[in-house]
PDB file of N, CA and C in Angstrom:
ATOM      1  N   SER A   1      -8.039  70.506 -11.151  1.00  0.00           N
ATOM      2  CA  SER A   1      -7.615  71.624 -11.212  1.00  0.00           C
ATOM      3  C   SER A   1      -8.011  71.356 -13.306  1.00  0.00           C
ATOM      4  N   GLU A   2      -6.498  71.236 -12.761  1.00  0.00           N
ATOM      5  CA  GLU A   2      -6.500  70.877 -14.567  1.00  0.00           C
ATOM      6  C   GLU A   2      -7.947  69.874 -15.417  1.00  0.00           C
ATOM      7  N   ASN A   3      -8.263  69.121 -14.566  1.00  0.00           N
ATOM      8  CA  ASN A   3      -9.934  68.110 -14.351  1.00  0.00           C
ATOM      9  C   ASN A   3     -11.004  68.637 -14.847  1.00  0.00           C
ATOM     10  N   ILE A   4     -10.956  69.573 -14.403  1.00  0.00           N
ATOM     11  CA  ILE A   4     -11.775  70.629 -14.852  1.00  0.00           C
ATOM     12  C   ILE A   4     -11.847  71.928 -15.353  1.00  0.00           C
ATOM     13  N   LYS A   5     -10.704  71.554 -16.160  1.00  0.00           N
ATOM     14  CA  LYS A   5      -9.870  72.525 -17.503  1.00  0.00           C
ATOM     15  C   LYS A   5     -10.562  71.520 -18.002  1.00  0.00           C
ATOM     16  N   MET A   6     -10.263  70.249 -18.441  1.00  0.00           N
ATOM     17  CA  MET A   6     -10.005  69.264 -18.987  1.00  0.00           C
ATOM     18  C   MET A   6     -11.478  69.220 -19.063  1.00  0.00           C
ATOM     19  N   LYS A   7     -12.977  69.296 -19.231  1.00  0.00           N
ATOM     20  CA  LYS A   7     -14.222  69.418 -19.208  1.00  0.00           C
ATOM     21  C   LYS A   7     -14.819  70.457 -19.768  1.00  0.00           C
ATOM     22  N   GLU A   8     -14.334  70.679 -19.916  1.00  0.00           N
ATOM     23  CA  GLU A   8     -14.656  72.243 -20.535  1.00  0.00           C
ATOM     24  C   GLU A   8     -14.179  72.875 -22.294  1.00  0.00           C
ATOM     25  N   VAL A   9     -13.518  72.567 -22.031  1.00  0.00           N
ATOM     26  CA  VAL A   9     -12.926  71.854 -23.649  1.00  0.00           C
ATOM     27  C   VAL A   9     -13.661  70.110 -24.483  1.00  0.00           C
ATOM     28  N   LYS A  10     -13.598  71.136 -25.611  1.00  0.00           N
ATOM     29  CA  LYS A  10     -14.367  69.645 -26.420  1.00  0.00           C
ATOM     30  C   LYS A  10     -13.223  69.286 -27.892  1.00  0.00           C
ATOM     31  N   ILE A  11     -12.920  68.900 -28.110  1.00  0.00           N
ATOM     32  CA  ILE A  11     -12.693  67.586 -29.283  1.00  0.00           C
ATOM     33  C   ILE A  11     -13.002  67.781 -30.074  1.00  0.00           C
ATOM     34  N   ILE A  12     -13.203  68.258 -31.984  1.00  0.00           N
ATOM     35  CA  ILE A  12     -13.549  67.589 -32.873  1.00  0.00           C
ATOM     36  C   ILE A  12     -12.596  66.896 -32.881  1.00  0.00           C
ATOM     37  N   ASN A  13     -12.778  65.610 -34.714  1.00  0.00           N
ATOM     38  CA  ASN A  13     -12.085  64.500 -35.076  1.00  0.00           C
ATOM     39  C   ASN A  13     -10.943  64.735 -34.147  1.00  0.00           C
ATOM     40  N   GLN A  14     -11.491  64.002 -33.127  1.00  0.00           N
ATOM     41  CA  GLN A  14      -9.861  63.353 -32.017  1.00  0.00           C
ATOM     42  C   GLN A  14      -9.467  62.272 -33.899  1.00  0.00           C
ATOM     43  N   GLY A  15      -7.685  62.602 -33.215  1.00  0.00           N
ATOM     44  CA  GLY A  15      -6.811  61.765 -33.971  1.00  0.00           C
ATOM     45  C   GLY A  15      -7.332  61.865 -35.700  1.00  0.00           C
ATOM     46  N   LEU A  16      -7.869  62.921 -36.166  1.00  0.00           N
ATOM     47  CA  LEU A  16      -7.951  63.498 -38.148  1.00  0.00           C
ATOM     48  C   LEU A  16      -7.369  63.716 -38.033  1.00  0.00           C
ATOM     49  N   GLU A  17      -6.976  64.470 -38.811  1.00  0.00           N
ATOM     50  CA  GLU A  17      -5.710  65.658 -40.247  1.00  0.00           C
ATOM     51  C   GLU A  17      -6.566  66.867 -39.168  1.00  0.00           C
ATOM     52  N   ASP A  18      -7.709  67.040 -38.953  1.00  0.00           N
ATOM     53  CA  ASP A  18      -8.238  68.005 -38.923  1.00  0.00           C
ATOM     54  C   ASP A  18      -8.645  68.569 -37.674  1.00  0.00           C
ATOM     55  N   GLU A  19      -8.850  68.119 -36.204  1.00  0.00           N
ATOM     56  CA  GLU A  19      -8.686  68.154 -34.795  1.00  0.00           C
ATOM     57  C   GLU A  19      -8.810  68.758 -34.903  1.00  0.00           C
ATOM     58  N   MET A  20      -9.393  70.326 -33.605  1.00  0.00           N
ATOM     59  CA  MET A  20      -9.637  70.740 -32.818  1.00  0.00           C
ATOM     60  C   MET A  20     -10.230  70.905 -31.329  1.00  0.00           C
ATOM     61  N   GLU A  21      -9.829  71.670 -31.250  1.00  0.00           N
ATOM     62  CA  GLU A  21     -10.260  71.784 -29.997  1.00  0.00           C
ATOM     63  C   GLU A  21     -11.235  73.671 -29.601  1.00  0.00           C
ATOM     64  N   VAL A  22     -12.384  73.402 -29.154  1.00  0.00           N
ATOM     65  CA  VAL A  22     -13.269  73.851 -29.688  1.00  0.00           C
ATOM     66  C   VAL A  22     -13.722  74.462 -27.203  1.00  0.00           C
ATOM     67  N   SER A  23     -13.497  75.829 -27.422  1.00  0.00           N
ATOM     68  CA  SER A  23     -13.296  75.654 -25.652  1.00  0.00           C
ATOM     69  C   SER A  23     -14.307  77.469 -25.586  1.00  0.00           C
ATOM     70  N   GLY A  24     -15.501  77.365 -24.771  1.00  0.00           N
ATOM     71  CA  GLY A  24     -16.535  78.704 -24.705  1.00  0.00           C
ATOM     72  C   GLY A  24     -16.445  79.191 -23.839  1.00  0.00           C
ATOM     73  N   TYR A  25     -16.390  81.382 -24.155  1.00  0.00           N
ATOM     74  CA  TYR A  25     -16.457  81.511 -23.117  1.00  0.00           C
ATOM     75  C   TYR A  25     -17.326  83.037 -23.424  1.00  0.00           C
ATOM     76  N   ARG A  26     -17.528  83.838 -22.111  1.00  0.00           N
ATOM     77  CA  ARG A  26     -18.023  84.330 -21.729  1.00  0.00           C
ATOM     78  C   ARG A  26     -17.664  85.515 -21.308  1.00  0.00           C
ATOM     79  N   PRO A  27     -18.579  86.874 -21.183  1.00  0.00           N
ATOM     80  CA  PRO A  27     -17.766  88.244 -21.084  1.00  0.00           C
ATOM     81  C   PRO A  27     -17.552  88.619 -19.536  1.00  0.00           C
ATOM     82  N   CYS A  28     -16.529  88.659 -18.778  1.00  0.00           N
ATOM     83  CA  CYS A  28     -16.615  89.078 -17.444  1.00  0.00           C
ATOM     84  C   CYS A  28     -16.616  90.684 -17.142  1.00  0.00           C
ATOM     85  N   LEU A  29     -17.276  91.394 -16.418  1.00  0.00           N
ATOM     86  CA  LEU A  29     -16.979  92.477 -15.929  1.00  0.00           C
ATOM     87  C   LEU A  29     -15.604  93.233 -15.921  1.00  0.00           C
ATOM     88  N   TRP A  30     -15.397  92.993 -14.543  1.00  0.00           N
ATOM     89  CA  TRP A  30     -14.900  93.284 -13.662  1.00  0.00           C
ATOM     90  C   TRP A  30     -12.805  92.593 -14.141  1.00  0.00           C
ATOM     91  N   LYS A  31     -12.719  91.614 -15.459  1.00  0.00           N
ATOM     92  CA  LYS A  31     -11.845  91.880 -16.526  1.00  0.00           C
ATOM     93  C   LYS A  31     -11.677  92.814 -17.298  1.00  0.00           C
ATOM     94  N   MET A  32     -12.538  93.441 -17.857  1.00  0.00           N
ATOM     95  CA  MET A  32     -12.991  94.453 -18.665  1.00  0.00           C
ATOM     96  C   MET A  32     -12.593  95.627 -18.182  1.00  0.00           C
ATOM     97  N   ILE A  33     -13.059  95.993 -17.064  1.00  0.00           N
ATOM     98  CA  ILE A  33     -12.781  97.259 -16.995  1.00  0.00           C
ATOM     99  C   ILE A  33     -11.504  97.100 -16.179  1.00  0.00           C
ATOM    100  N   LEU A  34     -10.848  96.132 -15.647  1.00  0.00           N
ATOM    101  CA  LEU A  34      -9.141  96.494 -15.112  1.00  0.00           C
ATOM    102  C   LEU A  34      -8.546  96.163 -16.330  1.00  0.00           C
ATOM    103  N   VAL A  35      -9.072  95.709 -17.294  1.00  0.00           N
ATOM    104  CA  VAL A  35      -8.113  95.555 -18.893  1.00  0.00           C
ATOM    105  C   VAL A  35      -8.526  97.760 -19.464  1.00  0.00           C
ATOM    106  N   GLY A  36      -9.566  98.187 -19.065  1.00  0.00           N
ATOM    107  CA  GLY A  36      -9.982  99.254 -19.872  1.00  0.00           C
ATOM    108  C   GLY A  36      -9.141  99.999 -18.743  1.00  0.00           C
ATOM    109  N   VAL A  37      -8.942  99.725 -18.069  1.00  0.00           N
ATOM    110  CA  VAL A  37      -8.307 100.451 -17.099  1.00  0.00           C
ATOM    111  C   VAL A  37      -6.091 100.514 -17.023  1.00  0.00           C
ATOM    112  N   GLY A  38      -5.885  99.270 -17.148  1.00  0.00           N
ATOM    113  CA  GLY A  38      -4.917  99.283 -17.550  1.00  0.00           C
ATOM    114  C   GLY A  38      -4.873  99.910 -19.664  1.00  0.00           C
ATOM    115  N   ALA A  39      -5.173  99.756 -20.081  1.00  0.00           N
ATOM    116  CA  ALA A  39      -5.182 100.788 -21.763  1.00  0.00           C
ATOM    117  C   ALA A  39      -5.407 102.072 -21.174  1.00  0.00           C
ATOM    118  N   VAL A  40      -5.515 102.880 -20.998  1.00  0.00           N
ATOM    119  CA  VAL A  40      -5.737 103.923 -19.998  1.00  0.00           C
ATOM    120  C   VAL A  40      -3.926 104.936 -19.780  1.00  0.00           C
ATOM    121  N   CYS A  41      -4.511 103.527 -18.575  1.00  0.00           N
ATOM    122  CA  CYS A  41      -2.767 103.684 -18.053  1.00  0.00           C
ATOM    123  C   CYS A  41      -1.478 103.865 -18.949  1.00  0.00           C
ATOM    124  N   SER A  42      -1.462 102.138 -20.092  1.00  0.00           N
ATOM    125  CA  SER A  42      -0.356 102.010 -20.534  1.00  0.00           C
ATOM    126  C   SER A  42      -1.047 103.230 -22.422  1.00  0.00           C
ATOM    127  N   GLY A  43      -1.952 104.563 -22.546  1.00  0.00           N
ATOM    128  CA  GLY A  43      -2.316 104.819 -23.359  1.00  0.00           C
ATOM    129  C   GLY A  43      -2.674 104.032 -24.301  1.00  0.00           C
ATOM    130  N   GLY A  44      -3.099 103.133 -24.171  1.00  0.00           N
ATOM    131  CA  GLY A  44      -4.149 102.826 -25.374  1.00  0.00           C
ATOM    132  C   GLY A  44      -2.861 101.269 -26.282  1.00  0.00           C
ATOM    133  N   LEU A  45      -1.599 100.809 -25.815  1.00  0.00           N
ATOM    134  CA  LEU A  45      -0.523  99.884 -25.740  1.00  0.00           C
ATOM    135  C   LEU A  45      -1.195  98.182 -25.624  1.00  0.00           C
ATOM    136  N   LEU A  46      -1.606  98.328 -24.367  1.00  0.00           N
ATOM    137  CA  LEU A  46      -2.512  97.500 -23.962  1.00  0.00           C
ATOM    138  C   LEU A  46      -3.566  96.711 -25.149  1.00  0.00           C
ATOM    139  N   LEU A  47      -4.711  98.156 -25.786  1.00  0.00           N
ATOM    140  CA  LEU A  47      -5.464  97.591 -26.849  1.00  0.00           C
ATOM    141  C   LEU A  47      -4.030  96.480 -28.240  1.00  0.00           C
ATOM    142  N   LEU A  48      -3.732  97.402 -28.463  1.00  0.00           N
ATOM    143  CA  LEU A  48      -3.137  97.596 -29.779  1.00  0.00           C
ATOM    144  C   LEU A  48      -2.766  95.626 -29.441  1.00  0.00           C
ATOM    145  N   LEU A  49      -1.818  95.692 -28.413  1.00  0.00           N
ATOM    146  CA  LEU A  49      -1.625  94.321 -27.593  1.00  0.00           C
ATOM    147  C   LEU A  49      -2.457  92.884 -27.441  1.00  0.00           C
ATOM    148  N   LEU A  50      -3.553  93.822 -26.915  1.00  0.00           N
ATOM    149  CA  LEU A  50      -4.352  92.539 -27.294  1.00  0.00           C
ATOM    150  C   LEU A  50      -5.613  92.270 -28.383  1.00  0.00           C
ATOM    151  N   TYR A  51      -5.044  93.080 -29.763  1.00  0.00           N
ATOM    152  CA  TYR A  51      -5.703  93.719 -31.097  1.00  0.00           C
ATOM    153  C   TYR A  51      -4.254  92.140 -32.105  1.00  0.00           C
ATOM    154  N   TRP A  52      -2.864  92.126 -31.886  1.00  0.00           N
ATOM    155  CA  TRP A  52      -1.392  91.996 -32.327  1.00  0.00           C
ATOM    156  C   TRP A  52      -2.339  90.050 -31.409  1.00  0.00           C
ATOM    157  N   LEU A  53      -2.825  89.670 -30.151  1.00  0.00           N
ATOM    158  CA  LEU A  53      -2.747  88.709 -30.031  1.00  0.00           C
ATOM    159  C   LEU A  53      -4.750  88.208 -29.855  1.00  0.00           C
ATOM    160  N   PRO A  54      -4.733  87.392 -30.145  1.00  0.00           N
ATOM    161  CA  PRO A  54      -6.314  87.140 -29.943  1.00  0.00           C
ATOM    162  C   PRO A  54      -7.139  86.547 -28.916  1.00  0.00           C
ATOM    163  N   GLU A  55      -5.967  85.543 -28.950  1.00  0.00           N
ATOM    164  CA  GLU A  55      -6.138  84.504 -27.111  1.00  0.00           C
ATOM    165  C   GLU A  55      -5.931  85.320 -26.461  1.00  0.00           C
ATOM    166  N   TRP A  56      -5.429  86.224 -26.596  1.00  0.00           N
ATOM    167  CA  TRP A  56      -5.074  87.044 -24.802  1.00  0.00           C
ATOM    168  C   TRP A  56      -6.023  88.654 -24.574  1.00  0.00           C
ATOM    169  N   GLY A  57      -6.587  88.056 -25.590  1.00  0.00           N
ATOM    170  CA  GLY A  57      -7.921  89.655 -25.737  1.00  0.00           C
ATOM    171  C   GLY A  57      -9.399  88.336 -24.605  1.00  0.00           C
ATOM    172  N   VAL A  58      -9.167  87.337 -25.363  1.00  0.00           N
ATOM    173  CA  VAL A  58     -10.419  87.267 -24.730  1.00  0.00           C
ATOM    174  C   VAL A  58     -10.466  86.644 -22.893  1.00  0.00           C
ATOM    175  N   LYS A  59      -9.258  85.603 -23.167  1.00  0.00           N
ATOM    176  CA  LYS A  59      -9.040  86.003 -21.714  1.00  0.00           C
ATOM    177  C   LYS A  59      -8.589  86.167 -20.413  1.00  0.00           C
ATOM    178  N   SER A  60      -8.526  88.144 -21.275  1.00  0.00           N
ATOM    179  CA  SER A  60      -7.843  88.601 -20.094  1.00  0.00           C
ATOM    180  C   SER A  60      -9.347  89.333 -20.054  1.00  0.00           C
ATOM    181  N   THR A  61     -10.665  89.072 -21.201  1.00  0.00           N
ATOM    182  CA  THR A  61     -11.806  89.657 -20.835  1.00  0.00           C
ATOM    183  C   THR A  61     -12.273  88.415 -20.016  1.00  0.00           C
ATOM    184  N   CYS A  62     -12.069  88.016 -20.121  1.00  0.00           N
ATOM    185  CA  CYS A  62     -13.615  87.035 -20.777  1.00  0.00           C
ATOM    186  C   CYS A  62     -13.424  85.387 -19.670  1.00  0.00           C
ATOM    187  N   THR A  63     -14.137  84.648 -18.520  1.00  0.00           N
ATOM    188  CA  THR A  63     -14.124  83.103 -17.756  1.00  0.00           C
ATOM    189  C   THR A  63     -14.557  82.509 -19.245  1.00  0.00           C
ATOM    190  N   HIS A  64     -13.552  81.477 -18.985  1.00  0.00           N
ATOM    191  CA  HIS A  64     -13.742  80.112 -19.623  1.00  0.00           C
ATOM    192  C   HIS A  64     -15.906  79.354 -19.055  1.00  0.00           C
ATOM    193  N   THR A  65     -16.707  78.844 -20.345  1.00  0.00           N
ATOM    194  CA  THR A  65     -17.312  78.227 -19.292  1.00  0.00           C
ATOM    195  C   THR A  65     -18.067  77.986 -20.673  1.00  0.00           C
ATOM    196  N   SER A  66     -18.891  76.858 -19.922  1.00  0.00           N
ATOM    197  CA  SER A  66     -19.575  75.973 -21.392  1.00  0.00           C
ATOM    198  C   SER A  66     -19.920  76.116 -22.921  1.00  0.00           C
ATOM    199  N   LEU A  67     -19.431  75.372 -23.749  1.00  0.00           N
ATOM    200  CA  LEU A  67     -20.014  76.078 -24.768  1.00  0.00           C
ATOM    201  C   LEU A  67     -21.474  76.502 -24.816  1.00  0.00           C
ATOM    202  N   LYS A  68     -21.697  75.790 -23.948  1.00  0.00           N
ATOM    203  CA  LYS A  68     -23.928  76.015 -24.605  1.00  0.00           C
ATOM    204  C   LYS A  68     -23.811  77.689 -24.302  1.00  0.00           C
ATOM    205  N   ASP A  69     -22.726  78.384 -23.044  1.00  0.00           N
ATOM    206  CA  ASP A  69     -23.326  79.540 -21.738  1.00  0.00           C
ATOM    207  C   ASP A  69     -22.480  80.405 -22.876  1.00  0.00           C
ATOM    208  N   ALA A  70     -21.655  79.563 -24.566  1.00  0.00           N
ATOM    209  CA  ALA A  70     -20.523  80.825 -24.658  1.00  0.00           C
ATOM    210  C   ALA A  70     -21.154  81.961 -25.298  1.00  0.00           C
ATOM    211  N   HIS A  71     -19.817  83.352 -24.939  1.00  0.00           N
ATOM    212  CA  HIS A  71     -20.867  84.176 -26.024  1.00  0.00           C
ATOM    213  C   HIS A  71     -19.701  84.613 -26.913  1.00  0.00           C
ATOM    214  N   THR A  72     -18.362  83.435 -26.744  1.00  0.00           N
ATOM    215  CA  THR A  72     -17.501  83.517 -27.526  1.00  0.00           C
ATOM    216  C   THR A  72     -16.594  82.263 -27.250  1.00  0.00           C
ATOM    217  N   VAL A  73     -16.227  81.908 -28.852  1.00  0.00           N
ATOM    218  CA  VAL A  73     -15.535  80.188 -28.963  1.00  0.00           C
ATOM    219  C   VAL A  73     -14.000  80.755 -29.133  1.00  0.00           C
ATOM    220  N   LEU A  74     -13.401  79.835 -28.719  1.00  0.00           N
ATOM    221  CA  LEU A  74     -12.537  79.740 -29.712  1.00  0.00           C
ATOM    222  C   LEU A  74     -11.787  78.212 -29.728  1.00  0.00           C
ATOM    223  N   LEU A  75     -11.893  78.520 -31.148  1.00  0.00           N
ATOM    224  CA  LEU A  75     -11.506  77.168 -32.504  1.00  0.00           C
ATOM    225  C   LEU A  75      -9.674  77.028 -32.249  1.00  0.00           C
ATOM    226  N   ARG A  76      -9.022  75.501 -32.296  1.00  0.00           N
ATOM    227  CA  ARG A  76      -7.665  75.709 -32.183  1.00  0.00           C
ATOM    228  C   ARG A  76      -7.676  74.662 -32.854  1.00  0.00           C
ATOM    229  N   THR A  77      -7.033  74.769 -33.406  1.00  0.00           N
ATOM    230  CA  THR A  77      -6.509  73.660 -34.286  1.00  0.00           C
ATOM    231  C   THR A  77      -4.467  73.405 -35.518  1.00  0.00           C
ATOM    232  N   THR A  78      -4.143  71.997 -35.099  1.00  0.00           N
ATOM    233  CA  THR A  78      -2.924  71.587 -34.699  1.00  0.00           C
ATOM    234  C   THR A  78      -2.615  70.855 -36.448  1.00  0.00           C
ATOM    235  N   VAL A  79      -1.744  71.666 -37.446  1.00  0.00           N
ATOM    236  CA  VAL A  79      -0.838  70.836 -38.138  1.00  0.00           C
ATOM    237  C   VAL A  79       0.059  70.915 -38.757  1.00  0.00           C
ATOM    238  N   GLY A  80       0.747  69.813 -37.929  1.00  0.00           N
ATOM    239  CA  GLY A  80       2.416  69.464 -38.327  1.00  0.00           C
ATOM    240  C   GLY A  80       2.421  70.114 -36.753  1.00  0.00           C
ATOM    241  N   LYS A  81       3.647  70.770 -36.718  1.00  0.00           N
ATOM    242  CA  LYS A  81       3.452  71.749 -35.327  1.00  0.00           C
ATOM    243  C   LYS A  81       2.898  73.221 -35.429  1.00  0.00           C
ATOM    244  N   GLN A  82       3.349  73.797 -36.493  1.00  0.00           N
ATOM    245  CA  GLN A  82       2.434  75.210 -36.611  1.00  0.00           C
ATOM    246  C   GLN A  82       0.745  75.441 -35.719  1.00  0.00           C
ATOM    247  N   ARG A  83       0.492  75.547 -34.881  1.00  0.00           N
ATOM    248  CA  ARG A  83      -1.152  75.563 -34.388  1.00  0.00           C
ATOM    249  C   ARG A  83      -1.968  77.054 -35.375  1.00  0.00           C
ATOM    250  N   SER A  84      -3.225  77.034 -35.319  1.00  0.00           N
ATOM    251  CA  SER A  84      -4.035  77.845 -35.378  1.00  0.00           C
ATOM    252  C   SER A  84      -5.028  78.527 -34.530  1.00  0.00           C
ATOM    253  N   LEU A  85      -5.626  79.601 -34.312  1.00  0.00           N
ATOM    254  CA  LEU A  85      -7.093  80.056 -33.473  1.00  0.00           C
ATOM    255  C   LEU A  85      -7.874  80.456 -34.331  1.00  0.00           C
ATOM    256  N   SER A  86      -8.854  80.306 -33.897  1.00  0.00           N
ATOM    257  CA  SER A  86      -8.844  81.727 -34.255  1.00  0.00           C
ATOM    258  C   SER A  86     -10.960  82.080 -33.438  1.00  0.00           C
ATOM    259  N   ILE A  87     -10.817  82.813 -33.396  1.00  0.00           N
ATOM    260  CA  ILE A  87     -12.127  83.499 -32.046  1.00  0.00           C
ATOM    261  C   ILE A  87     -13.150  83.254 -33.034  1.00  0.00           C
ATOM    262  N   HIS A  88     -14.534  83.202 -32.838  1.00  0.00           N
ATOM    263  CA  HIS A  88     -15.587  83.390 -33.362  1.00  0.00           C
ATOM    264  C   HIS A  88     -17.005  83.320 -32.537  1.00  0.00           C
ATOM    265  N   SER A  89     -18.038  84.714 -32.883  1.00  0.00           N
ATOM    266  CA  SER A  89     -19.169  84.097 -31.364  1.00  0.00           C
ATOM    267  C   SER A  89     -20.301  82.744 -31.174  1.00  0.00           C
ATOM    268  N   SER A  90     -20.822  83.471 -29.943  1.00  0.00           N
ATOM    269  CA  SER A  90     -21.165  81.439 -30.625  1.00  0.00           C
ATOM    270  C   SER A  90     -22.256  81.910 -31.327  1.00  0.00           C
ATOM    271  N   GLN A  91     -23.541  82.539 -31.796  1.00  0.00           N
ATOM    272  CA  GLN A  91     -24.214  83.143 -32.674  1.00  0.00           C
ATOM    273  C   GLN A  91     -24.127  82.259 -33.928  1.00  0.00           C
ATOM    274  N   GLU A  92     -22.008  82.782 -34.037  1.00  0.00           N
ATOM    275  CA  GLU A  92     -21.735  82.030 -35.769  1.00  0.00           C
ATOM    276  C   GLU A  92     -21.990  80.598 -35.547  1.00  0.00           C
ATOM    277  N   CYS A  93     -20.948  79.670 -34.439  1.00  0.00           N
ATOM    278  CA  CYS A  93     -20.906  78.317 -34.611  1.00  0.00           C
ATOM    279  C   CYS A  93     -21.545  77.476 -33.517  1.00  0.00           C
ATOM    280  N   ARG A  94     -23.171  78.499 -33.038  1.00  0.00           N
ATOM    281  CA  ARG A  94     -24.729  77.672 -32.580  1.00  0.00           C
ATOM    282  C   ARG A  94     -24.426  76.439 -33.213  1.00  0.00           C
ATOM    283  N   SER A  95     -25.625  76.952 -34.277  1.00  0.00           N
ATOM    284  CA  SER A  95     -25.384  75.352 -34.923  1.00  0.00           C
ATOM    285  C   SER A  95     -24.887  74.385 -35.751  1.00  0.00           C
ATOM    286  N   HIS A  96     -23.895  75.042 -35.953  1.00  0.00           N
ATOM    287  CA  HIS A  96     -22.387  74.357 -36.482  1.00  0.00           C
ATOM    288  C   HIS A  96     -22.054  72.625 -34.617  1.00  0.00           C
ATOM    289  N   LEU A  97     -22.254  73.457 -34.255  1.00  0.00           N
ATOM    290  CA  LEU A  97     -22.211  73.116 -33.090  1.00  0.00           C
ATOM    291  C   LEU A  97     -22.421  72.482 -32.212  1.00  0.00           C
ATOM    292  N   SER A  98     -24.044  72.009 -32.948  1.00  0.00           N
ATOM    293  CA  SER A  98     -25.201  71.784 -31.757  1.00  0.00           C
ATOM    294  C   SER A  98     -24.438  70.820 -31.210  1.00  0.00           C
ATOM    295  N   PHE A  99     -24.938  70.121 -31.953  1.00  0.00           N
ATOM    296  CA  PHE A  99     -24.259  68.612 -31.297  1.00  0.00           C
ATOM    297  C   PHE A  99     -23.178  67.860 -30.754  1.00  0.00           C
ATOM    298  N   TYR A 100     -22.780  68.746 -30.877  1.00  0.00           N
ATOM    299  CA  TYR A 100     -21.282  69.134 -29.651  1.00  0.00           C
ATOM    300  C   TYR A 100     -20.923  69.252 -27.874  1.00  0.00           C
ATOM    301  N   THR A 101     -21.800  69.945 -27.757  1.00  0.00           N
ATOM    302  CA  THR A 101     -23.104  70.613 -26.456  1.00  0.00           C
ATOM    303  C   THR A 101     -23.129  69.843 -25.366  1.00  0.00           C
ATOM    304  N   GLU A 102     -23.445  68.239 -26.215  1.00  0.00           N
ATOM    305  CA  GLU A 102     -23.983  67.915 -24.656  1.00  0.00           C
ATOM    306  C   GLU A 102     -23.761  66.657 -23.906  1.00  0.00           C
TER     307      GLU A 102
END
């Protein structure tokens, strides 16, 4: 299982100061329905939590996929001990990451 997950995460600029992990996700209908039910049952608090924790929001409504098939892309950078995360649509990143998806 760990080997499969490692294949789905690309590392850009490995070993350099601006190293990034890039992983792709695509929407999953049953997960979206489950989150919708949870949002209704929690009076919207679940949506607020997923807004504050965007990585959880992506992982709770999407499934891991290749960058080529991704609808959403997570970019993780590490500077010192701080990690930062940004989420982009695959359309924004496709031209910039096209040479990394082969």
